[in-house]
Amino acid sequence: MEVCARISKEWRNRMLFLFFMFFCMAGWFLWDGIIAWPAENERYQAFSQIADEVMANDLAVDVEDVEVRLAWERYARAEGYSSKIPKERTDSDLSQQLWIGGVMMAGSLLFLGWVLWNHTRSIRAEGDIITGASGETVHLDSIISIDRRKWRKKGIALGIYEKAGKQRRLVLDDHKFAGAEAIILEAERRIEVRSSPDSSNSDKLPDQ
């Protein structure tokens, strides 16, 4: 048989969705740490100065006072800022955002590299030889059973075969490698043929 099972569209789309999700989250943290929070901290410094001036003139007792808010809103309109009172963003806050964003960005890029590397892999059957995704080679007739316990939920079957006196497992993942089921069905067919009575016996004539 000739089969070449390569990465499925479903698996690729799922992995790319995960990559973009983590990539966007990393970008969000980096945006805050590099642009959004430093800008907000500048607004906070301006707000603190305005609040101090209002309280120094005995127009307010603390930064929660309405006079402080009104003074900030007038300043914000004049400068084109949001009227929302800004929060203080310390150097520690900025460093934390950058650290989290950097780690997540590196992780998402490594994950993308892993996805691309998986696209170089396949499960192949050439004649009677199966080459697994990890490069192991197995003769079809050496497979003694197929374990389908994970088939319904995950699309994975295990080809149990013997090598050097030990039982080993060949992973046949039809969810990840579209077309692997053809190899599974052929292995099952051969197992069934081997387990049936020798067909040659049925061709023998009865003794005369």
Protein backbone atom coordinates (compact mmCIF):
# COMPACT_ATOMS: atom_id res chain seq x y z
CA MET A 1 0.00 0.00 0.00
CA GLU A 2 1.01 3.61 -0.52
CA VAL A 3 -0.18 6.12 2.10
CA CYS A 4 1.25 9.43 3.24
CA ALA A 5 -0.68 10.92 6.17
CA ARG A 6 0.27 14.54 6.79
CA ILE A 7 -0.83 17.19 9.28
CA SER A 8 -4.61 17.62 9.18
CA LYS A 9 -6.30 20.96 8.58
CA GLU A 10 -8.26 20.60 11.83
CA TRP A 11 -5.12 20.10 13.94
CA ARG A 12 -3.30 22.95 12.18
CA ASN A 13 -6.20 25.37 12.70
CA ARG A 14 -6.47 24.46 16.37
CA MET A 15 -2.76 25.00 16.95
CA LEU A 16 -2.76 28.31 15.05
CA PHE A 17 -5.71 29.49 17.14
CA LEU A 18 -3.74 28.73 20.32
CA PHE A 19 -0.70 30.52 18.91
CA PHE A 20 -2.65 33.68 18.03
CA MET A 21 -4.37 33.66 21.42
CA PHE A 22 -1.07 33.56 23.35
CA PHE A 23 0.61 35.93 20.87
CA CYS A 24 -2.15 38.53 21.33
CA MET A 25 -2.05 38.17 25.13
CA ALA A 26 1.72 38.70 25.04
CA GLY A 27 1.25 41.74 22.80
CA TRP A 28 -1.31 43.15 25.24
CA PHE A 29 1.11 42.88 28.18
CA LEU A 30 3.95 44.38 26.15
CA TRP A 31 1.74 47.23 24.91
CA ASP A 32 0.82 48.07 28.49
CA GLY A 33 4.42 47.87 29.68
CA ILE A 34 5.94 49.86 26.82
CA ILE A 35 3.25 52.36 25.78
CA ALA A 36 -0.05 52.41 27.69
CA TRP A 37 1.12 52.36 31.29
CA PRO A 38 4.04 54.81 30.92
CA ALA A 39 1.61 57.23 29.27
CA GLU A 40 -0.90 56.69 32.07
CA ASN A 41 1.80 57.29 34.64
CA GLU A 42 2.57 60.65 33.03
CA ARG A 43 -1.11 61.56 33.35
CA TYR A 44 -1.05 60.38 36.96
CA GLN A 45 1.87 62.71 37.72
CA ALA A 46 -0.14 65.60 36.28
CA PHE A 47 -3.20 64.52 38.27
CA SER A 48 -1.15 64.35 41.49
CA GLN A 49 0.16 67.86 40.93
CA ILE A 50 -3.35 69.21 40.31
CA ALA A 51 -4.67 67.39 43.40
CA ASP A 52 -1.87 68.81 45.54
CA GLU A 53 -2.65 72.36 44.31
CA VAL A 54 -6.38 72.00 44.99
CA MET A 55 -5.78 70.65 48.50
CA ALA A 56 -3.13 73.33 49.18
CA ASN A 57 -5.79 75.98 48.46
CA ASP A 58 -8.11 74.28 50.98
CA LEU A 59 -10.60 73.44 48.24
CA ALA A 60 -10.42 69.71 48.98
CA VAL A 61 -9.37 67.45 51.82
CA ASP A 62 -8.19 64.47 49.74
CA VAL A 63 -7.87 63.25 46.16
CA GLU A 64 -11.37 61.74 46.31
CA ASP A 65 -12.94 65.15 46.70
CA VAL A 66 -15.21 66.38 43.91
CA GLU A 67 -13.16 69.57 43.48
CA VAL A 68 -10.11 67.49 42.61
CA ARG A 69 -12.13 65.55 40.05
CA LEU A 70 -13.52 68.73 38.48
CA ALA A 71 -10.06 70.30 38.29
CA TRP A 72 -8.71 67.15 36.60
CA GLU A 73 -11.57 67.04 34.10
CA ARG A 74 -10.89 70.64 33.06
CA TYR A 75 -7.20 69.88 32.62
CA ALA A 76 -7.92 66.63 30.74
CA ARG A 77 -10.23 68.39 28.25
CA ALA A 78 -7.61 71.03 27.62
CA GLU A 79 -4.89 68.41 27.00
CA GLY A 80 -7.10 65.99 25.07
CA TYR A 81 -6.86 63.29 27.76
CA SER A 82 -9.52 60.94 29.00
CA SER A 83 -11.46 62.36 31.93
CA LYS A 84 -10.97 59.09 33.80
CA ILE A 85 -8.65 59.57 36.74
CA PRO A 86 -5.38 57.78 35.91
CA LYS A 87 -3.75 55.15 38.11
CA GLU A 88 -0.20 55.25 39.36
CA ARG A 89 2.03 52.78 37.48
CA THR A 90 5.26 52.16 39.34
CA ASP A 91 8.54 50.97 37.85
CA SER A 92 7.79 47.60 39.43
CA ASP A 93 4.43 47.46 37.67
CA LEU A 94 6.04 48.25 34.32
CA SER A 95 8.81 45.69 34.83
CA GLN A 96 6.25 43.03 35.70
CA GLN A 97 4.22 43.70 32.56
CA LEU A 98 7.34 43.58 30.41
CA TRP A 99 8.54 40.36 32.04
CA ILE A 100 5.18 38.59 31.63
CA GLY A 101 4.77 39.85 28.07
CA GLY A 102 8.33 38.86 27.12
CA VAL A 103 7.96 35.34 28.51
CA MET A 104 4.59 34.85 26.82
CA MET A 105 5.92 36.20 23.51
CA ALA A 106 8.93 33.88 23.61
CA GLY A 107 6.68 30.97 24.51
CA SER A 108 4.22 31.71 21.70
CA LEU A 109 7.04 31.93 19.13
CA LEU A 110 8.54 28.66 20.36
CA PHE A 111 5.08 27.11 20.10
CA LEU A 112 4.77 28.36 16.52
CA GLY A 113 8.16 26.82 15.73
CA TRP A 114 6.94 23.51 17.16
CA VAL A 115 3.79 23.68 14.99
CA LEU A 116 5.88 24.37 11.88
CA TRP A 117 8.25 21.54 12.76
CA ASN A 118 5.30 19.15 13.04
CA HIS A 119 4.40 20.04 9.45
CA THR A 120 7.61 18.33 8.37
CA ARG A 121 6.45 15.04 9.90
CA SER A 122 4.13 12.39 8.50
CA ILE A 123 3.03 8.78 8.86
CA ARG A 124 3.80 6.79 5.72
CA ALA A 125 3.13 3.31 4.43
CA GLU A 126 5.26 2.19 1.48
CA GLY A 127 4.57 -1.39 0.52
CA ASP A 128 4.65 -3.39 3.75
CA ILE A 129 6.71 -0.86 5.72
CA ILE A 130 5.17 1.81 7.95
CA THR A 131 7.26 4.81 8.95
CA GLY A 132 5.90 6.49 12.07
CA ALA A 133 5.88 10.21 12.81
CA SER A 134 9.05 9.83 14.89
CA GLY A 135 10.85 7.95 12.12
CA GLU A 136 10.47 4.42 13.47
CA THR A 137 9.86 1.72 10.85
CA VAL A 138 7.48 -1.18 11.38
CA HIS A 139 6.55 -4.04 9.07
CA LEU A 140 2.78 -4.26 8.64
CA ASP A 141 2.76 -7.96 9.37
CA SER A 142 4.62 -7.48 12.65
CA ILE A 143 1.62 -5.63 14.12
CA ILE A 144 -0.20 -8.14 16.32
CA SER A 145 -3.08 -5.95 17.54
CA ILE A 146 -4.63 -2.50 17.24
CA ASP A 147 -5.58 -0.64 20.41
CA ARG A 148 -8.49 1.72 19.62
CA ARG A 149 -9.36 2.78 23.17
CA LYS A 150 -8.53 6.42 22.36
CA TRP A 151 -10.02 6.33 18.89
CA ARG A 152 -13.52 7.65 19.56
CA LYS A 153 -12.46 10.68 21.61
CA LYS A 154 -9.03 11.49 20.18
CA GLY A 155 -8.75 9.70 16.85
CA ILE A 156 -5.68 7.80 18.07
CA ALA A 157 -4.96 4.10 17.67
CA LEU A 158 -1.90 2.17 18.79
CA GLY A 159 -0.34 -0.51 16.65
CA ILE A 160 1.11 -3.14 19.01
CA TYR A 161 4.09 -4.90 17.45
CA GLU A 162 7.01 -7.03 18.54
CA LYS A 163 10.64 -6.08 18.13
CA ALA A 164 13.68 -7.71 19.74
CA GLY A 165 11.40 -9.87 21.85
CA LYS A 166 9.53 -6.89 23.31
CA GLN A 167 6.12 -5.43 22.58
CA ARG A 168 6.23 -1.86 21.34
CA ARG A 169 3.62 0.70 20.30
CA LEU A 170 3.28 2.63 17.06
CA VAL A 171 1.13 5.74 17.45
CA LEU A 172 -1.31 6.14 14.55
CA ASP A 173 -2.94 9.53 15.12
CA ASP A 174 -5.59 10.15 12.47
CA HIS A 175 -6.69 13.42 14.11
CA LYS A 176 -3.23 14.94 13.74
CA PHE A 177 -2.16 13.09 10.58
CA ALA A 178 -5.08 12.90 8.18
CA GLY A 179 -5.15 9.58 6.33
CA ALA A 180 -3.59 7.41 9.04
CA GLU A 181 -6.81 5.42 9.36
CA ALA A 182 -6.10 3.72 6.03
CA ILE A 183 -2.98 2.21 7.60
CA ILE A 184 -4.96 1.15 10.67
CA LEU A 185 -7.60 -0.58 8.56
CA GLU A 186 -4.98 -2.44 6.53
CA ALA A 187 -3.21 -3.59 9.70
CA GLU A 188 -6.52 -4.80 11.13
CA ARG A 189 -7.31 -6.62 7.91
CA ARG A 190 -4.00 -8.46 7.99
CA ILE A 191 -4.43 -9.36 11.66
CA GLU A 192 -7.85 -10.81 10.85
CA VAL A 193 -6.46 -12.81 7.93
CA ARG A 194 -3.64 -14.23 10.06
CA SER A 195 -6.03 -15.18 12.84
CA SER A 196 -8.42 -17.03 10.49
CA PRO A 197 -7.89 -20.74 9.66
CA ASP A 198 -5.32 -21.37 6.92
CA SER A 199 -7.28 -20.93 3.71
CA SER A 200 -5.02 -23.44 2.01
CA ASN A 201 -6.51 -26.21 4.14
CA SER A 202 -9.93 -25.63 2.64
CA ASP A 203 -8.51 -26.32 -0.81
CA LYS A 204 -7.28 -29.80 0.06
CA LEU A 205 -9.24 -32.72 -1.34
CA PRO A 206 -10.49 -35.37 1.10
CA ASP A 207 -8.44 -38.59 1.29
CA GLN A 208 -9.52 -41.27 -1.20
